[in-house]
Amino acid sequence: MLNNRFILILLLTFTIFGYATAQETEKETVRYDYSFEFKNGVYTSFYSFRNNSPIPFSRFVSPAYDDDFFKKILKVETISFYDENGTLNEIPRKLIWGYANNGKPNIYWNNKFNLIPYIGTISHFVSTELVTHYTSGTMMYDPMYIPSTQSYTTEELVHYFIDMNTGEIISYGSKNLLELIKDDTELYNEYSKLGKRKRIKSIMEYVQKYNRKHPIYFNK
């Protein structure tokens, strides 16, 4: 009797395990390519983006979703929405990671939303920053002259990497790219042997090479 009971428990265990595995298979990830469309909604964290599980726009209470939603969300201190259980949640707006609209993801960075046009294990996006420049006043041949410094501000394009393994946002450049690809010895050695100018010109070429060898996957 004991043996029969033990066998029954084993059968039930394997049945439950098989059912759970089948459910996981239904949620299987797919390899990203340009035809992939992200689910529309707001990402409350990097992991909600990686899991392709945003808060749908229809669940937002404040600001309510309308044609001006993406402008209004930048002006509020907190956002409120219903979760999948119907519970009202409120979080600081600054905790938003980004959103997807029409299947395209945007990241919240530099107090604005920025499209992520290139997605891979190493992703790339461009934002704008206000940069202050300083200039010295015109030199005068006068022993009593005191040099003055003037400043002016411009809005400039700034490039960034996103490490999709960690969510870290990293300044664009050859030195940081070497750090990002160091786990691929072949590519790392190949890239590090290039001259300084060639490394700078070849940044996106090696980002693409790395991503082809190390593809990224998302939930359907």
N, C-alpha and C. Protein backbone atom coordinates (compact mmCIF):
# COMPACT_ATOMS: atom_id res chain seq x y z
N MET A 1 0.83 -1.21 0.00
CA MET A 1 0.00 0.00 0.00
C MET A 1 0.87 1.26 0.00
N LEU A 2 1.96 1.22 0.84
CA LEU A 2 2.85 2.35 0.92
C LEU A 2 3.51 2.64 -0.42
N ASN A 3 3.91 1.57 -1.11
CA ASN A 3 4.54 1.74 -2.43
C ASN A 3 3.57 2.34 -3.42
N ASN A 4 2.32 1.88 -3.38
CA ASN A 4 1.31 2.41 -4.30
C ASN A 4 1.06 3.90 -4.04
N ARG A 5 1.03 4.26 -2.74
CA ARG A 5 0.80 5.66 -2.39
C ARG A 5 1.97 6.53 -2.86
N PHE A 6 3.18 6.01 -2.71
CA PHE A 6 4.37 6.73 -3.13
C PHE A 6 4.37 6.95 -4.64
N ILE A 7 3.97 5.90 -5.36
CA ILE A 7 3.91 6.00 -6.82
C ILE A 7 2.86 7.03 -7.24
N LEU A 8 1.71 7.06 -6.51
CA LEU A 8 0.66 8.01 -6.82
C LEU A 8 1.15 9.44 -6.63
N ILE A 9 1.89 9.68 -5.53
CA ILE A 9 2.44 11.01 -5.26
C ILE A 9 3.39 11.42 -6.37
N LEU A 10 4.23 10.49 -6.81
CA LEU A 10 5.16 10.79 -7.89
C LEU A 10 4.43 11.16 -9.17
N LEU A 11 3.37 10.42 -9.47
CA LEU A 11 2.60 10.68 -10.69
C LEU A 11 1.96 12.07 -10.62
N LEU A 12 1.40 12.42 -9.44
CA LEU A 12 0.79 13.73 -9.28
C LEU A 12 1.82 14.85 -9.41
N THR A 13 3.02 14.60 -8.83
CA THR A 13 4.10 15.60 -8.90
C THR A 13 4.50 15.87 -10.34
N PHE A 14 4.70 14.81 -11.10
CA PHE A 14 5.10 14.97 -12.50
C PHE A 14 3.99 15.61 -13.32
N THR A 15 2.73 15.29 -12.98
CA THR A 15 1.61 15.90 -13.71
C THR A 15 1.58 17.41 -13.48
N ILE A 16 1.73 17.81 -12.18
CA ILE A 16 1.72 19.24 -11.86
C ILE A 16 2.90 19.94 -12.49
N PHE A 17 4.08 19.31 -12.42
CA PHE A 17 5.28 19.89 -13.02
C PHE A 17 5.10 20.07 -14.52
N GLY A 18 4.49 19.05 -15.17
CA GLY A 18 4.26 19.14 -16.61
C GLY A 18 3.30 20.25 -16.96
N TYR A 19 2.27 20.43 -16.11
CA TYR A 19 1.30 21.50 -16.34
C TYR A 19 1.96 22.87 -16.19
N ALA A 20 2.79 23.01 -15.14
CA ALA A 20 3.49 24.28 -14.92
C ALA A 20 4.43 24.58 -16.06
N THR A 21 5.12 23.55 -16.55
CA THR A 21 6.04 23.72 -17.67
C THR A 21 5.29 24.16 -18.92
N ALA A 22 4.11 23.56 -19.12
CA ALA A 22 3.31 23.92 -20.29
C ALA A 22 2.88 25.38 -20.22
N GLN A 23 2.53 25.81 -18.99
CA GLN A 23 2.14 27.22 -18.84
C GLN A 23 3.31 28.15 -19.13
N GLU A 24 4.51 27.76 -18.68
CA GLU A 24 5.68 28.58 -18.95
C GLU A 24 5.95 28.64 -20.45
N THR A 25 5.71 27.52 -21.13
CA THR A 25 5.94 27.48 -22.57
C THR A 25 5.03 28.48 -23.28
N GLU A 26 3.78 28.62 -22.73
CA GLU A 26 2.84 29.57 -23.33
C GLU A 26 3.37 31.00 -23.21
N LYS A 27 4.21 31.25 -22.20
CA LYS A 27 4.77 32.58 -21.99
C LYS A 27 6.21 32.66 -22.50
N GLU A 28 6.55 31.78 -23.41
CA GLU A 28 7.92 31.72 -23.87
C GLU A 28 8.39 33.05 -24.47
N THR A 29 9.68 33.27 -24.36
CA THR A 29 10.27 34.47 -24.92
C THR A 29 10.58 34.26 -26.39
N VAL A 30 10.73 35.36 -27.10
CA VAL A 30 11.08 35.29 -28.52
C VAL A 30 12.30 36.17 -28.74
N ARG A 31 13.09 35.78 -29.70
CA ARG A 31 14.29 36.54 -30.03
C ARG A 31 13.88 37.87 -30.68
N TYR A 32 14.43 38.95 -30.18
CA TYR A 32 14.06 40.26 -30.70
C TYR A 32 14.58 40.47 -32.11
N ASP A 33 13.71 41.05 -32.95
CA ASP A 33 14.13 41.59 -34.24
C ASP A 33 13.26 42.82 -34.51
N TYR A 34 13.50 43.49 -35.61
CA TYR A 34 12.83 44.77 -35.85
C TYR A 34 11.32 44.64 -36.04
N SER A 35 10.83 43.42 -36.26
CA SER A 35 9.39 43.24 -36.43
C SER A 35 8.67 43.11 -35.09
N PHE A 36 9.43 42.99 -34.00
CA PHE A 36 8.82 42.80 -32.68
C PHE A 36 8.10 44.08 -32.24
N GLU A 37 6.90 43.91 -31.71
CA GLU A 37 6.12 45.06 -31.21
C GLU A 37 5.92 44.92 -29.71
N PHE A 38 6.36 45.93 -28.97
CA PHE A 38 6.18 45.93 -27.52
C PHE A 38 4.73 46.27 -27.18
N LYS A 39 4.27 45.72 -26.05
CA LYS A 39 2.92 46.01 -25.60
C LYS A 39 2.84 47.48 -25.18
N ASN A 40 1.76 48.13 -25.55
CA ASN A 40 1.60 49.54 -25.23
C ASN A 40 1.29 49.75 -23.75
N GLY A 41 1.92 50.76 -23.16
CA GLY A 41 1.68 51.06 -21.76
C GLY A 41 2.91 51.69 -21.14
N VAL A 42 2.84 51.90 -19.82
CA VAL A 42 3.91 52.57 -19.08
C VAL A 42 4.71 51.55 -18.28
N TYR A 43 6.04 51.64 -18.37
CA TYR A 43 6.92 50.77 -17.60
C TYR A 43 7.24 51.45 -16.27
N THR A 44 6.95 50.75 -15.18
CA THR A 44 7.25 51.31 -13.86
C THR A 44 8.64 50.92 -13.38
N SER A 45 9.33 50.08 -14.15
CA SER A 45 10.70 49.69 -13.80
C SER A 45 11.37 49.12 -15.04
N PHE A 46 12.68 48.97 -14.96
CA PHE A 46 13.42 48.33 -16.05
C PHE A 46 12.92 46.92 -16.27
N TYR A 47 12.58 46.21 -15.19
CA TYR A 47 12.17 44.82 -15.31
C TYR A 47 10.80 44.68 -15.96
N SER A 48 9.93 45.67 -15.78
CA SER A 48 8.64 45.61 -16.48
C SER A 48 8.85 45.79 -17.98
N PHE A 49 9.88 46.55 -18.34
CA PHE A 49 10.24 46.67 -19.76
C PHE A 49 10.80 45.35 -20.28
N ARG A 50 11.75 44.75 -19.54
CA ARG A 50 12.38 43.50 -19.99
C ARG A 50 11.37 42.37 -20.08
N ASN A 51 10.35 42.43 -19.23
CA ASN A 51 9.32 41.39 -19.25
C ASN A 51 8.17 41.74 -20.20
N ASN A 52 8.28 42.90 -20.86
CA ASN A 52 7.23 43.35 -21.77
C ASN A 52 5.87 43.36 -21.07
N SER A 53 5.86 43.94 -19.84
CA SER A 53 4.63 43.95 -19.05
C SER A 53 4.34 45.35 -18.50
N PRO A 54 4.01 46.28 -19.39
CA PRO A 54 3.71 47.65 -18.94
C PRO A 54 2.32 47.75 -18.31
N ILE A 55 2.08 48.86 -17.63
CA ILE A 55 0.72 49.17 -17.17
C ILE A 55 -0.05 49.71 -18.37
N PRO A 56 -1.13 49.04 -18.79
CA PRO A 56 -1.88 49.55 -19.96
C PRO A 56 -2.38 50.97 -19.74
N PHE A 57 -2.39 51.75 -20.78
CA PHE A 57 -2.84 53.15 -20.69
C PHE A 57 -4.26 53.25 -20.13
N SER A 58 -5.10 52.26 -20.45
CA SER A 58 -6.50 52.30 -20.04
C SER A 58 -6.68 52.23 -18.52
N ARG A 59 -5.64 51.80 -17.80
CA ARG A 59 -5.76 51.67 -16.34
C ARG A 59 -5.36 52.96 -15.60
N PHE A 60 -4.95 53.97 -16.33
CA PHE A 60 -4.48 55.19 -15.67
C PHE A 60 -5.65 56.06 -15.22
N VAL A 61 -5.51 56.56 -13.99
CA VAL A 61 -6.49 57.46 -13.42
C VAL A 61 -5.97 58.90 -13.48
N SER A 62 -4.71 59.06 -13.08
CA SER A 62 -4.09 60.39 -13.10
C SER A 62 -2.63 60.27 -13.53
N PRO A 63 -2.28 60.88 -14.66
CA PRO A 63 -3.21 61.56 -15.58
C PRO A 63 -4.01 60.54 -16.39
N ALA A 64 -5.21 60.90 -16.75
CA ALA A 64 -6.02 60.01 -17.58
C ALA A 64 -5.45 59.97 -18.99
N TYR A 65 -5.61 58.82 -19.63
CA TYR A 65 -5.04 58.67 -20.97
C TYR A 65 -5.88 59.40 -22.00
N ASP A 66 -5.24 60.32 -22.72
CA ASP A 66 -5.87 61.02 -23.83
C ASP A 66 -4.77 61.47 -24.78
N ASP A 67 -5.10 62.35 -25.70
CA ASP A 67 -4.12 62.77 -26.71
C ASP A 67 -2.93 63.51 -26.11
N ASP A 68 -3.11 64.11 -24.93
CA ASP A 68 -2.04 64.88 -24.29
C ASP A 68 -1.37 64.12 -23.14
N PHE A 69 -1.62 62.83 -23.07
CA PHE A 69 -1.13 62.02 -21.95
C PHE A 69 0.39 62.16 -21.75
N PHE A 70 1.16 62.07 -22.84
CA PHE A 70 2.62 62.06 -22.72
C PHE A 70 3.18 63.43 -22.33
N LYS A 71 2.42 64.49 -22.56
CA LYS A 71 2.82 65.81 -22.09
C LYS A 71 2.44 65.99 -20.63
N LYS A 72 1.23 65.54 -20.28
CA LYS A 72 0.74 65.72 -18.91
C LYS A 72 1.53 64.89 -17.91
N ILE A 73 1.97 63.72 -18.31
CA ILE A 73 2.66 62.84 -17.36
C ILE A 73 4.00 63.43 -16.93
N LEU A 74 4.56 64.32 -17.76
CA LEU A 74 5.83 64.96 -17.41
C LEU A 74 5.64 66.12 -16.44
N LYS A 75 4.38 66.54 -16.23
CA LYS A 75 4.12 67.71 -15.40
C LYS A 75 3.60 67.35 -14.00
N VAL A 76 3.28 66.07 -13.78
CA VAL A 76 2.73 65.67 -12.48
C VAL A 76 3.83 65.11 -11.59
N GLU A 77 3.61 65.16 -10.28
CA GLU A 77 4.57 64.62 -9.32
C GLU A 77 4.34 63.13 -9.07
N THR A 78 3.08 62.72 -9.16
CA THR A 78 2.73 61.31 -8.94
C THR A 78 1.79 60.85 -10.04
N ILE A 79 1.77 59.55 -10.26
CA ILE A 79 0.83 58.95 -11.21
C ILE A 79 0.02 57.90 -10.45
N SER A 80 -1.23 57.69 -10.86
CA SER A 80 -2.06 56.68 -10.23
C SER A 80 -2.72 55.81 -11.30
N PHE A 81 -2.84 54.53 -10.99
CA PHE A 81 -3.37 53.56 -11.94
C PHE A 81 -3.89 52.34 -11.19
N TYR A 82 -4.75 51.59 -11.84
CA TYR A 82 -5.25 50.33 -11.27
C TYR A 82 -4.36 49.19 -11.75
N ASP A 83 -3.99 48.32 -10.80
CA ASP A 83 -3.21 47.14 -11.20
C ASP A 83 -4.17 46.06 -11.69
N GLU A 84 -3.61 44.89 -12.01
CA GLU A 84 -4.43 43.82 -12.61
C GLU A 84 -5.45 43.27 -11.63
N ASN A 85 -5.30 43.56 -10.33
CA ASN A 85 -6.25 43.08 -9.33
C ASN A 85 -7.31 44.14 -9.00
N GLY A 86 -7.23 45.29 -9.68
CA GLY A 86 -8.20 46.34 -9.45
C GLY A 86 -7.86 47.25 -8.28
N THR A 87 -6.62 47.13 -7.77
CA THR A 87 -6.18 47.98 -6.66
C THR A 87 -5.57 49.26 -7.20
N LEU A 88 -5.96 50.38 -6.62
CA LEU A 88 -5.43 51.67 -7.06
C LEU A 88 -4.03 51.86 -6.49
N ASN A 89 -3.07 52.16 -7.35
CA ASN A 89 -1.69 52.39 -6.96
C ASN A 89 -1.28 53.81 -7.29
N GLU A 90 -0.40 54.35 -6.46
CA GLU A 90 0.13 55.69 -6.70
C GLU A 90 1.64 55.66 -6.49
N ILE A 91 2.39 56.13 -7.48
CA ILE A 91 3.84 56.13 -7.37
C ILE A 91 4.39 57.47 -7.87
N PRO A 92 5.57 57.86 -7.41
CA PRO A 92 6.18 59.10 -7.92
C PRO A 92 6.47 58.97 -9.42
N ARG A 93 6.21 60.03 -10.13
CA ARG A 93 6.46 60.01 -11.57
C ARG A 93 7.91 59.71 -11.92
N LYS A 94 8.83 60.15 -11.05
CA LYS A 94 10.26 59.97 -11.33
C LYS A 94 10.68 58.49 -11.34
N LEU A 95 9.81 57.60 -10.83
CA LEU A 95 10.13 56.17 -10.83
C LEU A 95 9.80 55.50 -12.17
N ILE A 96 9.11 56.21 -13.04
CA ILE A 96 8.77 55.64 -14.35
C ILE A 96 10.06 55.33 -15.12
N TRP A 97 10.10 54.15 -15.74
CA TRP A 97 11.26 53.80 -16.57
C TRP A 97 11.04 54.27 -18.01
N GLY A 98 9.80 54.21 -18.46
CA GLY A 98 9.51 54.61 -19.83
C GLY A 98 8.12 54.17 -20.24
N TYR A 99 7.88 54.10 -21.52
CA TYR A 99 6.59 53.63 -22.03
C TYR A 99 6.78 53.09 -23.44
N ALA A 100 5.78 52.36 -23.91
CA ALA A 100 5.74 51.93 -25.31
C ALA A 100 4.44 52.42 -25.92
N ASN A 101 4.53 52.95 -27.12
CA ASN A 101 3.35 53.39 -27.85
C ASN A 101 3.52 52.99 -29.30
N ASN A 102 2.46 52.45 -29.88
CA ASN A 102 2.53 51.90 -31.25
C ASN A 102 3.65 50.86 -31.37
N GLY A 103 3.88 50.14 -30.26
CA GLY A 103 4.86 49.06 -30.29
C GLY A 103 6.31 49.50 -30.15
N LYS A 104 6.54 50.82 -29.97
CA LYS A 104 7.91 51.34 -29.91
C LYS A 104 8.23 51.83 -28.49
N PRO A 105 9.35 51.40 -27.90
CA PRO A 105 9.66 51.79 -26.53
C PRO A 105 10.39 53.13 -26.44
N ASN A 106 10.08 53.85 -25.36
CA ASN A 106 10.74 55.12 -25.04
C ASN A 106 11.23 55.04 -23.60
N ILE A 107 12.38 55.63 -23.33
CA ILE A 107 12.95 55.63 -22.00
C ILE A 107 12.87 57.03 -21.39
N TYR A 108 12.57 57.10 -20.10
CA TYR A 108 12.51 58.38 -19.40
C TYR A 108 13.91 58.70 -18.90
N TRP A 109 14.51 59.73 -19.48
CA TRP A 109 15.88 60.11 -19.16
C TRP A 109 16.06 61.60 -19.43
N ASN A 110 16.81 62.27 -18.58
CA ASN A 110 16.99 63.73 -18.69
C ASN A 110 15.66 64.47 -18.64
N ASN A 111 14.75 63.96 -17.80
CA ASN A 111 13.44 64.58 -17.59
C ASN A 111 12.59 64.65 -18.86
N LYS A 112 12.80 63.70 -19.75
CA LYS A 112 11.99 63.63 -20.96
C LYS A 112 11.95 62.18 -21.44
N PHE A 113 11.03 61.89 -22.35
CA PHE A 113 10.96 60.57 -22.95
C PHE A 113 11.75 60.56 -24.25
N ASN A 114 12.56 59.50 -24.41
CA ASN A 114 13.43 59.39 -25.58
C ASN A 114 13.21 58.04 -26.26
N LEU A 115 12.96 58.06 -27.55
CA LEU A 115 12.79 56.83 -28.30
C LEU A 115 14.07 55.99 -28.23
N ILE A 116 13.90 54.67 -28.09
CA ILE A 116 15.05 53.75 -28.17
C ILE A 116 15.03 53.14 -29.57
N PRO A 117 15.77 53.71 -30.50
CA PRO A 117 15.67 53.25 -31.90
C PRO A 117 16.44 51.96 -32.19
N TYR A 118 17.44 51.68 -31.36
CA TYR A 118 18.25 50.49 -31.61
C TYR A 118 18.25 49.62 -30.35
N ILE A 119 17.68 48.42 -30.47
CA ILE A 119 17.53 47.53 -29.33
C ILE A 119 18.33 46.25 -29.53
N GLY A 120 19.07 45.91 -28.51
CA GLY A 120 19.86 44.68 -28.49
C GLY A 120 20.33 44.47 -27.07
N THR A 121 21.17 43.48 -26.85
CA THR A 121 21.73 43.28 -25.52
C THR A 121 22.47 44.55 -25.09
N ILE A 122 23.11 45.20 -26.06
CA ILE A 122 23.59 46.58 -25.86
C ILE A 122 22.69 47.46 -26.72
N SER A 123 21.87 48.27 -26.07
CA SER A 123 20.97 49.15 -26.81
C SER A 123 21.55 50.56 -26.87
N HIS A 124 20.95 51.37 -27.73
CA HIS A 124 21.48 52.72 -27.95
C HIS A 124 20.33 53.69 -28.14
N PHE A 125 20.45 54.85 -27.50
CA PHE A 125 19.47 55.92 -27.73
C PHE A 125 20.16 57.27 -27.63
N VAL A 126 19.47 58.29 -28.09
CA VAL A 126 19.99 59.65 -28.10
C VAL A 126 19.03 60.55 -27.33
N SER A 127 19.59 61.42 -26.49
CA SER A 127 18.80 62.39 -25.76
C SER A 127 19.41 63.77 -25.98
N THR A 128 18.83 64.77 -25.36
CA THR A 128 19.40 66.12 -25.42
C THR A 128 19.70 66.60 -24.00
N GLU A 129 20.75 67.37 -23.88
CA GLU A 129 21.14 67.93 -22.59
C GLU A 129 21.49 69.40 -22.77
N LEU A 130 21.24 70.18 -21.72
CA LEU A 130 21.68 71.56 -21.72
C LEU A 130 23.13 71.61 -21.28
N VAL A 131 23.98 72.17 -22.14
CA VAL A 131 25.42 72.24 -21.86
C VAL A 131 25.83 73.70 -21.76
N THR A 132 26.52 74.02 -20.68
CA THR A 132 26.98 75.39 -20.47
C THR A 132 28.43 75.54 -20.94
N HIS A 133 28.68 76.55 -21.76
CA HIS A 133 30.02 76.82 -22.29
C HIS A 133 30.53 78.12 -21.68
N TYR A 134 31.82 78.16 -21.43
CA TYR A 134 32.43 79.35 -20.85
C TYR A 134 33.48 79.91 -21.81
N THR A 135 33.47 81.21 -21.97
CA THR A 135 34.46 81.87 -22.83
C THR A 135 35.08 83.04 -22.08
N SER A 136 36.34 83.27 -22.37
CA SER A 136 37.03 84.40 -21.74
C SER A 136 36.78 85.66 -22.54
N GLY A 137 36.76 86.80 -21.86
CA GLY A 137 36.56 88.08 -22.53
C GLY A 137 37.76 88.42 -23.39
N THR A 138 37.59 89.35 -24.30
CA THR A 138 38.67 89.78 -25.20
C THR A 138 39.81 90.40 -24.40
N MET A 139 41.02 89.92 -24.67
CA MET A 139 42.18 90.42 -23.93
C MET A 139 42.50 91.86 -24.34
N MET A 140 42.77 92.71 -23.36
CA MET A 140 43.12 94.10 -23.63
C MET A 140 44.52 94.36 -23.07
N TYR A 141 45.29 95.11 -23.84
CA TYR A 141 46.66 95.41 -23.40
C TYR A 141 46.63 96.60 -22.43
N ASP A 142 46.13 96.30 -21.25
CA ASP A 142 46.00 97.32 -20.22
C ASP A 142 46.35 96.65 -18.89
N PRO A 143 47.34 97.12 -18.18
CA PRO A 143 47.74 96.48 -16.93
C PRO A 143 46.62 96.48 -15.89
N MET A 144 45.62 97.35 -16.07
CA MET A 144 44.52 97.42 -15.11
C MET A 144 43.33 96.55 -15.54
N TYR A 145 43.47 95.91 -16.71
CA TYR A 145 42.34 95.13 -17.24
C TYR A 145 42.17 93.83 -16.44
N ILE A 146 40.94 93.53 -16.04
CA ILE A 146 40.63 92.29 -15.33
C ILE A 146 39.83 91.39 -16.28
N PRO A 147 40.40 90.22 -16.65
CA PRO A 147 39.69 89.31 -17.58
C PRO A 147 38.33 88.91 -17.03
N SER A 148 37.37 88.82 -17.92
CA SER A 148 36.02 88.39 -17.52
C SER A 148 35.66 87.10 -18.24
N THR A 149 34.78 86.34 -17.62
CA THR A 149 34.33 85.08 -18.21
C THR A 149 32.84 85.17 -18.51
N GLN A 150 32.47 84.80 -19.72
CA GLN A 150 31.07 84.80 -20.11
C GLN A 150 30.63 83.36 -20.35
N SER A 151 29.35 83.11 -20.21
CA SER A 151 28.82 81.76 -20.42
C SER A 151 27.58 81.80 -21.29
N TYR A 152 27.33 80.71 -21.97
CA TYR A 152 26.10 80.55 -22.73
C TYR A 152 25.73 79.07 -22.74
N THR A 153 24.45 78.79 -22.91
CA THR A 153 23.94 77.42 -22.82
C THR A 153 23.35 76.98 -24.16
N THR A 154 23.67 75.76 -24.54
CA THR A 154 23.11 75.18 -25.76
C THR A 154 22.52 73.82 -25.45
N GLU A 155 21.55 73.42 -26.24
CA GLU A 155 20.97 72.07 -26.12
C GLU A 155 21.67 71.17 -27.13
N GLU A 156 22.30 70.11 -26.64
CA GLU A 156 23.11 69.27 -27.51
C GLU A 156 22.68 67.80 -27.43
N LEU A 157 22.90 67.09 -28.53
CA LEU A 157 22.59 65.66 -28.58
C LEU A 157 23.64 64.88 -27.81
N VAL A 158 23.17 63.92 -27.02
CA VAL A 158 24.08 63.07 -26.25
C VAL A 158 23.66 61.62 -26.47
N HIS A 159 24.64 60.77 -26.76
CA HIS A 159 24.38 59.35 -27.03
C HIS A 159 24.60 58.52 -25.77
N TYR A 160 23.80 57.44 -25.64
CA TYR A 160 23.92 56.54 -24.49
C TYR A 160 23.79 55.08 -24.93
N PHE A 161 24.40 54.21 -24.13
CA PHE A 161 24.16 52.77 -24.21
C PHE A 161 23.20 52.39 -23.08
N ILE A 162 22.44 51.31 -23.29
CA ILE A 162 21.71 50.66 -22.20
C ILE A 162 22.20 49.22 -22.13
N ASP A 163 22.71 48.82 -20.99
CA ASP A 163 23.09 47.43 -20.77
C ASP A 163 21.81 46.68 -20.41
N MET A 164 21.31 45.87 -21.34
CA MET A 164 20.04 45.20 -21.12
C MET A 164 20.13 44.02 -20.16
N ASN A 165 21.32 43.70 -19.68
CA ASN A 165 21.44 42.69 -18.64
C ASN A 165 21.20 43.28 -17.27
N THR A 166 21.49 44.57 -17.11
CA THR A 166 21.39 45.21 -15.80
C THR A 166 20.46 46.42 -15.77
N GLY A 167 20.20 47.01 -16.93
CA GLY A 167 19.41 48.23 -16.99
C GLY A 167 20.24 49.49 -16.84
N GLU A 168 21.55 49.33 -16.68
CA GLU A 168 22.41 50.50 -16.49
C GLU A 168 22.50 51.34 -17.76
N ILE A 169 22.39 52.65 -17.59
CA ILE A 169 22.54 53.59 -18.70
C ILE A 169 23.97 54.12 -18.65
N ILE A 170 24.67 54.00 -19.77
CA ILE A 170 26.11 54.25 -19.80
C ILE A 170 26.43 55.24 -20.91
N SER A 171 27.33 56.15 -20.64
CA SER A 171 27.75 57.11 -21.66
C SER A 171 28.33 56.39 -22.87
N TYR A 172 27.98 56.88 -24.04
CA TYR A 172 28.42 56.31 -25.31
C TYR A 172 29.91 56.59 -25.52
N GLY A 173 30.67 55.57 -25.88
CA GLY A 173 32.09 55.77 -26.15
C GLY A 173 32.82 54.45 -26.26
N SER A 174 34.01 54.49 -26.85
CA SER A 174 34.77 53.26 -27.10
C SER A 174 35.25 52.61 -25.81
N LYS A 175 35.62 53.42 -24.81
CA LYS A 175 36.10 52.87 -23.54
C LYS A 175 35.00 52.09 -22.84
N ASN A 176 33.79 52.66 -22.81
CA ASN A 176 32.68 51.96 -22.17
C ASN A 176 32.22 50.75 -22.98
N LEU A 177 32.35 50.83 -24.29
CA LEU A 177 31.99 49.68 -25.11
C LEU A 177 32.92 48.50 -24.81
N LEU A 178 34.21 48.76 -24.63
CA LEU A 178 35.15 47.70 -24.27
C LEU A 178 34.70 47.00 -22.99
N GLU A 179 34.22 47.79 -22.03
CA GLU A 179 33.76 47.21 -20.77
C GLU A 179 32.51 46.35 -20.99
N LEU A 180 31.63 46.79 -21.89
CA LEU A 180 30.38 46.07 -22.15
C LEU A 180 30.60 44.75 -22.89
N ILE A 181 31.64 44.67 -23.72
CA ILE A 181 31.86 43.46 -24.52
C ILE A 181 32.97 42.57 -23.97
N LYS A 182 33.45 42.85 -22.76
CA LYS A 182 34.60 42.12 -22.22
C LYS A 182 34.31 40.64 -21.98
N ASP A 183 33.02 40.27 -21.89
CA ASP A 183 32.71 38.85 -21.69
C ASP A 183 32.85 38.05 -22.97
N ASP A 184 33.01 38.73 -24.12
CA ASP A 184 33.25 38.06 -25.39
C ASP A 184 34.72 38.28 -25.76
N THR A 185 35.54 37.33 -25.39
CA THR A 185 36.99 37.47 -25.53
C THR A 185 37.41 37.76 -26.97
N GLU A 186 36.78 37.09 -27.90
CA GLU A 186 37.14 37.26 -29.32
C GLU A 186 36.89 38.69 -29.78
N LEU A 187 35.68 39.19 -29.53
CA LEU A 187 35.35 40.56 -29.95
C LEU A 187 36.15 41.59 -29.17
N TYR A 188 36.32 41.35 -27.89
CA TYR A 188 37.07 42.27 -27.05
C TYR A 188 38.49 42.45 -27.57
N ASN A 189 39.16 41.34 -27.86
CA ASN A 189 40.54 41.40 -28.35
C ASN A 189 40.61 42.08 -29.71
N GLU A 190 39.62 41.76 -30.56
CA GLU A 190 39.59 42.34 -31.91
C GLU A 190 39.41 43.85 -31.85
N TYR A 191 38.47 44.29 -31.00
CA TYR A 191 38.18 45.72 -30.90
C TYR A 191 39.30 46.49 -30.21
N SER A 192 39.87 45.90 -29.17
CA SER A 192 40.91 46.60 -28.41
C SER A 192 42.20 46.79 -29.21
N LYS A 193 42.39 45.99 -30.26
CA LYS A 193 43.60 46.10 -31.08
C LYS A 193 43.50 47.22 -32.11
N LEU A 194 42.29 47.76 -32.30
CA LEU A 194 42.12 48.86 -33.25
C LEU A 194 42.76 50.13 -32.71
N GLY A 195 43.19 51.00 -33.62
CA GLY A 195 43.70 52.31 -33.20
C GLY A 195 42.58 53.14 -32.59
N LYS A 196 42.94 54.19 -31.87
CA LYS A 196 41.97 55.01 -31.16
C LYS A 196 40.89 55.56 -32.09
N ARG A 197 41.30 56.15 -33.21
CA ARG A 197 40.33 56.72 -34.15
C ARG A 197 39.43 55.64 -34.75
N LYS A 198 40.03 54.51 -35.07
CA LYS A 198 39.26 53.42 -35.67
C LYS A 198 38.24 52.87 -34.67
N ARG A 199 38.63 52.80 -33.39
CA ARG A 199 37.69 52.33 -32.37
C ARG A 199 36.48 53.25 -32.28
N ILE A 200 36.73 54.57 -32.33
CA ILE A 200 35.63 55.53 -32.25
C ILE A 200 34.69 55.39 -33.44
N LYS A 201 35.26 55.26 -34.64
CA LYS A 201 34.45 55.12 -35.85
C LYS A 201 33.69 53.79 -35.89
N SER A 202 34.20 52.80 -35.18
CA SER A 202 33.63 51.44 -35.28
C SER A 202 32.72 51.07 -34.11
N ILE A 203 32.34 52.04 -33.31
CA ILE A 203 31.53 51.73 -32.12
C ILE A 203 30.27 50.95 -32.47
N MET A 204 29.42 51.50 -33.35
CA MET A 204 28.16 50.83 -33.65
C MET A 204 28.38 49.53 -34.42
N GLU A 205 29.44 49.46 -35.19
CA GLU A 205 29.76 48.21 -35.89
C GLU A 205 29.98 47.08 -34.89
N TYR A 206 30.70 47.38 -33.82
CA TYR A 206 30.98 46.33 -32.83
C TYR A 206 29.81 46.11 -31.87
N VAL A 207 28.98 47.11 -31.68
CA VAL A 207 27.74 46.90 -30.93
C VAL A 207 26.88 45.89 -31.69
N GLN A 208 26.78 46.06 -33.00
CA GLN A 208 25.99 45.15 -33.82
C GLN A 208 26.59 43.74 -33.85
N LYS A 209 27.91 43.68 -33.93
CA LYS A 209 28.58 42.37 -33.91
C LYS A 209 28.28 41.64 -32.60
N TYR A 210 28.39 42.37 -31.51
CA TYR A 210 28.14 41.77 -30.20
C TYR A 210 26.69 41.29 -30.09
N ASN A 211 25.76 42.14 -30.51
CA ASN A 211 24.34 41.79 -30.40
C ASN A 211 23.97 40.59 -31.26
N ARG A 212 24.62 40.45 -32.40
CA ARG A 212 24.34 39.27 -33.24
C ARG A 212 24.79 37.99 -32.53
N LYS A 213 25.89 38.07 -31.81
CA LYS A 213 26.39 36.89 -31.10
C LYS A 213 25.67 36.67 -29.77
N HIS A 214 25.08 37.73 -29.24
CA HIS A 214 24.41 37.65 -27.93
C HIS A 214 23.02 38.28 -28.06
N PRO A 215 22.10 37.58 -28.71
CA PRO A 215 20.77 38.16 -28.97
C PRO A 215 19.98 38.36 -27.67
N ILE A 216 19.00 39.25 -27.76
CA ILE A 216 18.15 39.55 -26.62
C ILE A 216 16.76 38.96 -26.86
N TYR A 217 16.10 38.55 -25.78
CA TYR A 217 14.79 37.92 -25.87
C TYR A 217 13.78 38.69 -25.01
N PHE A 218 12.53 38.73 -25.49
CA PHE A 218 11.46 39.39 -24.75
C PHE A 218 10.24 38.46 -24.69
N ASN A 219 9.42 38.66 -23.65
CA ASN A 219 8.15 37.94 -23.60
C ASN A 219 7.24 38.43 -24.73
N LYS A 220 6.45 37.53 -25.24
CA LYS A 220 5.51 37.91 -26.29
C LYS A 220 4.47 38.87 -25.75
